[in-house]
Amino acid sequence: MNKAERIAAFVEQQGELPPLPHDPRYLGFFKCFNNRQYYEAHDVLEQLWLETPGADHLYYKGLIQLAGAFVHLKKQLLNPGHRVDGKRLAPALRLFRLAEKNLSGYRPRHLHCDVSALCALCAEQAEKIEQSGVSVNPWNPATAPQIMLD
């Protein structure tokens, strides 16, 4: 089974997706993200991003970067003393800034998503990390952000 087939099977296992006219990988991204499966969210959307050279390319890239930033925060929180995972706040900060930059051109809404809210989330998380001197992880699984499509 190749990667595309594995991702299709993974998306199918996520259960019912919202009845919106979008690629299942796009919808799967939000389902995974909202379940705090950030690595899977990134992986699910990556193939669609690679296949999309047009107007939505940077949008998908920004979503992938957003998920990637949360991968770093989650791993850092789970293993703060680990030699690699303990140093993930700076990469998360960079990804939040890149995600905000790539998503900002799609404000206020794009593909049933409140992009302005995503940009605000990126800015807020980046500011929290910066204000702590890149020493405090702002992510809390109990209050993890949710991204809703309308």
Protein backbone atom coordinates (compact mmCIF):
# COMPACT_ATOMS: atom_id res chain seq x y z
CA MET A 1 0.00 0.00 0.00
CA ASN A 2 1.52 3.34 -1.03
CA LYS A 3 1.31 6.55 1.00
CA ALA A 4 -1.71 7.92 -0.88
CA GLU A 5 -3.61 4.68 -0.25
CA ARG A 6 -2.63 4.69 3.44
CA ILE A 7 -3.85 8.28 3.80
CA ALA A 8 -7.13 7.48 2.03
CA ALA A 9 -7.66 4.56 4.41
CA PHE A 10 -6.78 6.75 7.39
CA VAL A 11 -9.25 9.47 6.34
CA GLU A 12 -11.94 6.82 5.91
CA GLN A 13 -11.28 5.54 9.44
CA GLN A 14 -11.85 9.03 10.88
CA GLY A 15 -15.57 8.52 10.58
CA GLU A 16 -18.17 10.76 9.08
CA LEU A 17 -16.88 13.97 7.54
CA PRO A 18 -18.90 17.17 7.18
CA PRO A 19 -21.12 17.22 4.07
CA LEU A 20 -19.10 19.89 2.26
CA PRO A 21 -18.00 19.82 -1.38
CA HIS A 22 -14.28 19.35 -0.68
CA ASP A 23 -11.62 16.73 -1.12
CA PRO A 24 -11.81 14.18 1.74
CA ARG A 25 -8.16 14.92 2.56
CA TYR A 26 -9.05 18.56 3.21
CA LEU A 27 -11.93 17.56 5.47
CA GLY A 28 -9.76 14.90 7.11
CA PHE A 29 -7.21 17.56 8.00
CA PHE A 30 -9.75 19.35 10.21
CA LYS A 31 -11.03 16.15 11.74
CA CYS A 32 -7.48 15.11 12.70
CA PHE A 33 -6.52 18.61 13.88
CA ASN A 34 -9.57 18.84 16.12
CA ASN A 35 -8.72 15.44 17.61
CA ARG A 36 -5.21 16.76 18.44
CA GLN A 37 -3.72 14.40 15.83
CA TYR A 38 -1.50 17.12 14.41
CA TYR A 39 1.03 14.91 12.67
CA GLU A 40 -1.77 12.99 10.98
CA ALA A 41 -3.46 16.27 9.98
CA HIS A 42 -0.23 17.36 8.35
CA ASP A 43 0.21 14.02 6.61
CA VAL A 44 -3.39 13.85 5.37
CA LEU A 45 -3.19 17.25 3.69
CA GLU A 46 0.36 16.96 2.32
CA GLN A 47 -0.56 14.92 -0.76
CA LEU A 48 -3.35 17.34 -1.69
CA TRP A 49 -0.92 20.25 -1.28
CA LEU A 50 1.62 18.56 -3.55
CA GLU A 51 -1.08 17.98 -6.18
CA THR A 52 -2.34 21.58 -6.06
CA PRO A 53 -0.09 24.01 -7.95
CA GLY A 54 -2.77 26.70 -8.34
CA ALA A 55 -4.50 29.26 -6.19
CA ASP A 56 -4.91 27.03 -3.12
CA HIS A 57 -1.28 25.88 -2.92
CA LEU A 58 -0.18 28.39 -0.27
CA TYR A 59 -3.41 27.92 1.66
CA TYR A 60 -2.77 24.20 2.05
CA LYS A 61 0.87 24.90 2.85
CA GLY A 62 -0.18 27.27 5.62
CA LEU A 63 -2.53 24.67 7.11
CA ILE A 64 0.26 22.09 7.04
CA GLN A 65 2.61 24.55 8.76
CA LEU A 66 -0.03 25.26 11.39
CA ALA A 67 -0.40 21.55 12.13
CA GLY A 68 3.38 21.19 12.14
CA ALA A 69 3.71 23.92 14.76
CA PHE A 70 1.29 22.06 16.99
CA VAL A 71 3.23 18.81 16.41
CA HIS A 72 6.24 20.58 17.93
CA LEU A 73 4.25 21.95 20.88
CA LYS A 74 2.64 18.60 21.62
CA LYS A 75 5.94 16.70 21.49
CA GLN A 76 7.67 19.33 23.64
CA LEU A 77 4.93 19.16 26.27
CA LEU A 78 5.02 15.36 26.38
CA ASN A 79 8.85 15.17 26.57
CA PRO A 80 10.25 18.48 27.89
CA GLY A 81 13.50 16.88 29.08
CA HIS A 82 14.18 15.00 25.85
CA ARG A 83 17.29 16.17 23.98
CA VAL A 84 15.28 16.82 20.77
CA ASP A 85 11.69 17.25 21.88
CA GLY A 86 12.70 19.66 24.62
CA LYS A 87 13.96 22.10 21.98
CA ARG A 88 10.84 22.29 19.81
CA LEU A 89 9.53 25.72 20.85
CA ALA A 90 11.73 27.68 18.42
CA PRO A 91 10.71 25.53 15.42
CA ALA A 92 7.05 25.88 16.48
CA LEU A 93 7.45 29.65 16.60
CA ARG A 94 8.92 29.70 13.08
CA LEU A 95 6.10 27.53 11.74
CA PHE A 96 3.42 29.70 13.33
CA ARG A 97 4.95 32.75 11.64
CA LEU A 98 5.20 30.97 8.27
CA ALA A 99 1.65 29.64 8.54
CA GLU A 100 0.32 33.11 9.29
CA LYS A 101 2.18 34.54 6.31
CA ASN A 102 0.92 31.85 3.92
CA LEU A 103 -2.65 31.95 5.17
CA SER A 104 -3.00 35.74 5.35
CA GLY A 105 -3.65 36.12 1.62
CA TYR A 106 -6.81 34.03 1.98
CA ARG A 107 -8.53 36.23 4.61
CA PRO A 108 -11.21 36.55 5.70
CA ARG A 109 -12.66 33.18 4.61
CA HIS A 110 -11.55 30.49 2.22
CA LEU A 111 -12.98 27.06 1.43
CA HIS A 112 -15.51 27.28 4.29
CA CYS A 113 -12.79 28.19 6.82
CA ASP A 114 -12.38 31.35 8.91
CA VAL A 115 -8.85 32.18 7.82
CA SER A 116 -8.79 35.40 9.83
CA ALA A 117 -9.29 33.30 12.98
CA LEU A 118 -6.47 30.94 11.90
CA CYS A 119 -4.12 33.88 11.40
CA ALA A 120 -5.08 35.22 14.83
CA LEU A 121 -4.39 31.77 16.34
CA CYS A 122 -0.95 31.69 14.71
CA ALA A 123 -0.12 35.20 15.94
CA GLU A 124 -1.37 34.46 19.46
CA GLN A 125 0.63 31.25 19.81
CA ALA A 126 3.77 32.88 18.38
CA GLU A 127 3.44 35.85 20.76
CA LYS A 128 3.05 33.57 23.78
CA ILE A 129 6.19 31.66 22.85
CA GLU A 130 8.15 34.86 22.17
CA GLN A 131 6.98 36.59 25.37
CA SER A 132 8.23 33.63 27.39
CA GLY A 133 11.68 33.94 25.85
CA VAL A 134 11.00 30.72 23.94
CA SER A 135 10.87 28.83 27.22
CA VAL A 136 7.17 28.20 27.94
CA ASN A 137 4.91 25.98 25.87
CA PRO A 138 1.45 27.58 25.49
CA TRP A 139 -0.26 24.37 24.34
CA ASN A 140 -2.61 22.61 26.71
CA PRO A 141 -4.46 19.50 25.50
CA ALA A 142 -7.48 20.42 27.62
CA THR A 143 -7.88 23.74 25.80
CA ALA A 144 -6.48 22.77 22.39
CA PRO A 145 -7.89 24.91 19.58
CA GLN A 146 -10.60 23.63 17.28
CA ILE A 147 -11.04 24.69 13.66
CA MET A 148 -14.60 24.53 12.42
CA LEU A 149 -15.76 24.62 8.83
CA ASP A 150 -19.07 26.20 7.93
